[in-house]
Amino acid sequence: SKFAEHLRIAVESAPCPTRTGPVPITISIGAALSAHPTESLEDLGERADRALLQAKRSGRNRVVLAQSCSSVPARIHGAKQ
């Protein structure tokens, strides 16, 4: 998702200021889109959760978009491994 990737880049580009200096922050995002009208919200959420776990296992600071009605991620965007 373009929105999720823009959000990831925005967070990465804005370190958190602290008394001792800026601290870098990154995020991992797992997303799932429903292309099937009978897919439950629970199933959609589970696919998004699996995509988030894949993002974290792939090195963090990335976006993984779950493939439609499958546990296999379709695309990974973000930091290089």
C-alpha atoms as a PDB file:
ATOM      1  CA  SER A   1       0.000   0.000   0.000  1.00  0.00           C
ATOM      2  CA  LYS A   2       1.361   3.383  -0.990  1.00  0.00           C
ATOM      3  CA  PHE A   3      -0.112   5.003   2.118  1.00  0.00           C
ATOM      4  CA  ALA A   4       1.610   2.535   4.451  1.00  0.00           C
ATOM      5  CA  GLU A   5       4.956   2.996   2.684  1.00  0.00           C
ATOM      6  CA  HIS A   6       4.644   6.806   2.871  1.00  0.00           C
ATOM      7  CA  LEU A   7       3.855   6.498   6.583  1.00  0.00           C
ATOM      8  CA  ARG A   8       6.878   4.229   7.140  1.00  0.00           C
ATOM      9  CA  ILE A   9       9.168   6.700   5.369  1.00  0.00           C
ATOM     10  CA  ALA A  10       7.713   9.667   7.282  1.00  0.00           C
ATOM     11  CA  VAL A  11       8.320   7.977  10.642  1.00  0.00           C
ATOM     12  CA  GLU A  12      11.843   6.939   9.644  1.00  0.00           C
ATOM     13  CA  SER A  13      12.599  10.510   8.494  1.00  0.00           C
ATOM     14  CA  ALA A  14      11.546  12.149  11.770  1.00  0.00           C
ATOM     15  CA  PRO A  15      13.752  11.070  14.686  1.00  0.00           C
ATOM     16  CA  CYS A  16      12.316  11.609  18.153  1.00  0.00           C
ATOM     17  CA  PRO A  17      14.053  14.495  19.932  1.00  0.00           C
ATOM     18  CA  THR A  18      15.362  13.725  23.423  1.00  0.00           C
ATOM     19  CA  ARG A  19      17.577  15.567  25.928  1.00  0.00           C
ATOM     20  CA  THR A  20      20.548  13.510  24.755  1.00  0.00           C
ATOM     21  CA  GLY A  21      19.850  13.932  21.056  1.00  0.00           C
ATOM     22  CA  PRO A  22      17.540  12.548  18.384  1.00  0.00           C
ATOM     23  CA  VAL A  23      16.557   8.874  18.550  1.00  0.00           C
ATOM     24  CA  PRO A  24      15.731   7.143  15.263  1.00  0.00           C
ATOM     25  CA  ILE A  25      12.332   5.457  15.055  1.00  0.00           C
ATOM     26  CA  THR A  26      11.173   2.887  12.533  1.00  0.00           C
ATOM     27  CA  ILE A  27       7.942   0.959  12.072  1.00  0.00           C
ATOM     28  CA  SER A  28       6.868  -2.282  10.481  1.00  0.00           C
ATOM     29  CA  ILE A  29       3.410  -2.482   8.932  1.00  0.00           C
ATOM     30  CA  GLY A  30       1.396  -5.518   7.951  1.00  0.00           C
ATOM     31  CA  ALA A  31      -1.610  -4.866   5.728  1.00  0.00           C
ATOM     32  CA  ALA A  32      -4.282  -6.941   4.038  1.00  0.00           C
ATOM     33  CA  LEU A  33      -6.917  -5.952   1.518  1.00  0.00           C
ATOM     34  CA  SER A  34     -10.113  -7.901   1.059  1.00  0.00           C
ATOM     35  CA  ALA A  35     -11.063  -8.667  -2.516  1.00  0.00           C
ATOM     36  CA  HIS A  36     -13.719 -11.185  -1.546  1.00  0.00           C
ATOM     37  CA  PRO A  37     -17.031  -9.986  -0.064  1.00  0.00           C
ATOM     38  CA  THR A  38     -17.434 -13.095   2.102  1.00  0.00           C
ATOM     39  CA  GLU A  39     -14.067 -12.758   3.867  1.00  0.00           C
ATOM     40  CA  SER A  40     -14.633 -12.084   7.561  1.00  0.00           C
ATOM     41  CA  LEU A  41     -13.005  -9.213   9.420  1.00  0.00           C
ATOM     42  CA  GLU A  42     -11.348 -11.824  11.623  1.00  0.00           C
ATOM     43  CA  ASP A  43      -9.747 -13.512   8.602  1.00  0.00           C
ATOM     44  CA  LEU A  44      -8.675 -10.140   7.211  1.00  0.00           C
ATOM     45  CA  GLY A  45      -7.115  -9.229  10.573  1.00  0.00           C
ATOM     46  CA  GLU A  46      -5.309 -12.570  10.762  1.00  0.00           C
ATOM     47  CA  ARG A  47      -3.809 -12.037   7.307  1.00  0.00           C
ATOM     48  CA  ALA A  48      -2.670  -8.550   8.324  1.00  0.00           C
ATOM     49  CA  ASP A  49      -1.122  -9.987  11.513  1.00  0.00           C
ATOM     50  CA  ARG A  50       0.776 -12.606   9.487  1.00  0.00           C
ATOM     51  CA  ALA A  51       2.009  -9.868   7.141  1.00  0.00           C
ATOM     52  CA  LEU A  52       3.230  -7.851  10.153  1.00  0.00           C
ATOM     53  CA  LEU A  53       5.131 -10.871  11.488  1.00  0.00           C
ATOM     54  CA  GLN A  54       6.691 -11.329   8.037  1.00  0.00           C
ATOM     55  CA  ALA A  55       7.746  -7.654   8.029  1.00  0.00           C
ATOM     56  CA  LYS A  56       9.438  -8.073  11.405  1.00  0.00           C
ATOM     57  CA  ARG A  57      11.126 -11.347  10.405  1.00  0.00           C
ATOM     58  CA  SER A  58      12.376  -9.750   7.183  1.00  0.00           C
ATOM     59  CA  GLY A  59      14.440  -7.192   9.062  1.00  0.00           C
ATOM     60  CA  ARG A  60      11.856  -4.709  10.349  1.00  0.00           C
ATOM     61  CA  ASN A  61      11.265  -1.159   9.066  1.00  0.00           C
ATOM     62  CA  ARG A  62       9.176  -2.333   6.146  1.00  0.00           C
ATOM     63  CA  VAL A  63       5.662  -2.786   4.819  1.00  0.00           C
ATOM     64  CA  VAL A  64       4.284  -6.200   3.881  1.00  0.00           C
ATOM     65  CA  LEU A  65       1.011  -6.414   1.993  1.00  0.00           C
ATOM     66  CA  ALA A  66      -0.607  -9.835   2.380  1.00  0.00           C
ATOM     67  CA  GLN A  67      -1.665 -11.595  -0.761  1.00  0.00           C
ATOM     68  CA  SER A  68      -5.425 -11.849  -1.209  1.00  0.00           C
ATOM     69  CA  CYS A  69      -6.874 -14.766   0.791  1.00  0.00           C
ATOM     70  CA  SER A  70      -3.449 -16.289   1.388  1.00  0.00           C
ATOM     71  CA  SER A  71      -0.896 -16.270   4.168  1.00  0.00           C
ATOM     72  CA  VAL A  72       1.925 -15.652   1.674  1.00  0.00           C
ATOM     73  CA  PRO A  73       2.961 -11.969   1.527  1.00  0.00           C
ATOM     74  CA  ALA A  74       2.659 -10.433  -1.930  1.00  0.00           C
ATOM     75  CA  ARG A  75       5.011  -7.475  -1.601  1.00  0.00           C
ATOM     76  CA  ILE A  76       7.658  -6.255   0.796  1.00  0.00           C
ATOM     77  CA  HIS A  77       8.803  -2.618   0.824  1.00  0.00           C
ATOM     78  CA  GLY A  78      11.312  -0.914   3.035  1.00  0.00           C
ATOM     79  CA  ALA A  79      14.816  -1.172   4.353  1.00  0.00           C
ATOM     80  CA  LYS A  80      17.303  -3.292   2.484  1.00  0.00           C
ATOM     81  CA  GLN A  81      18.306  -6.577   4.098  1.00  0.00           C
END
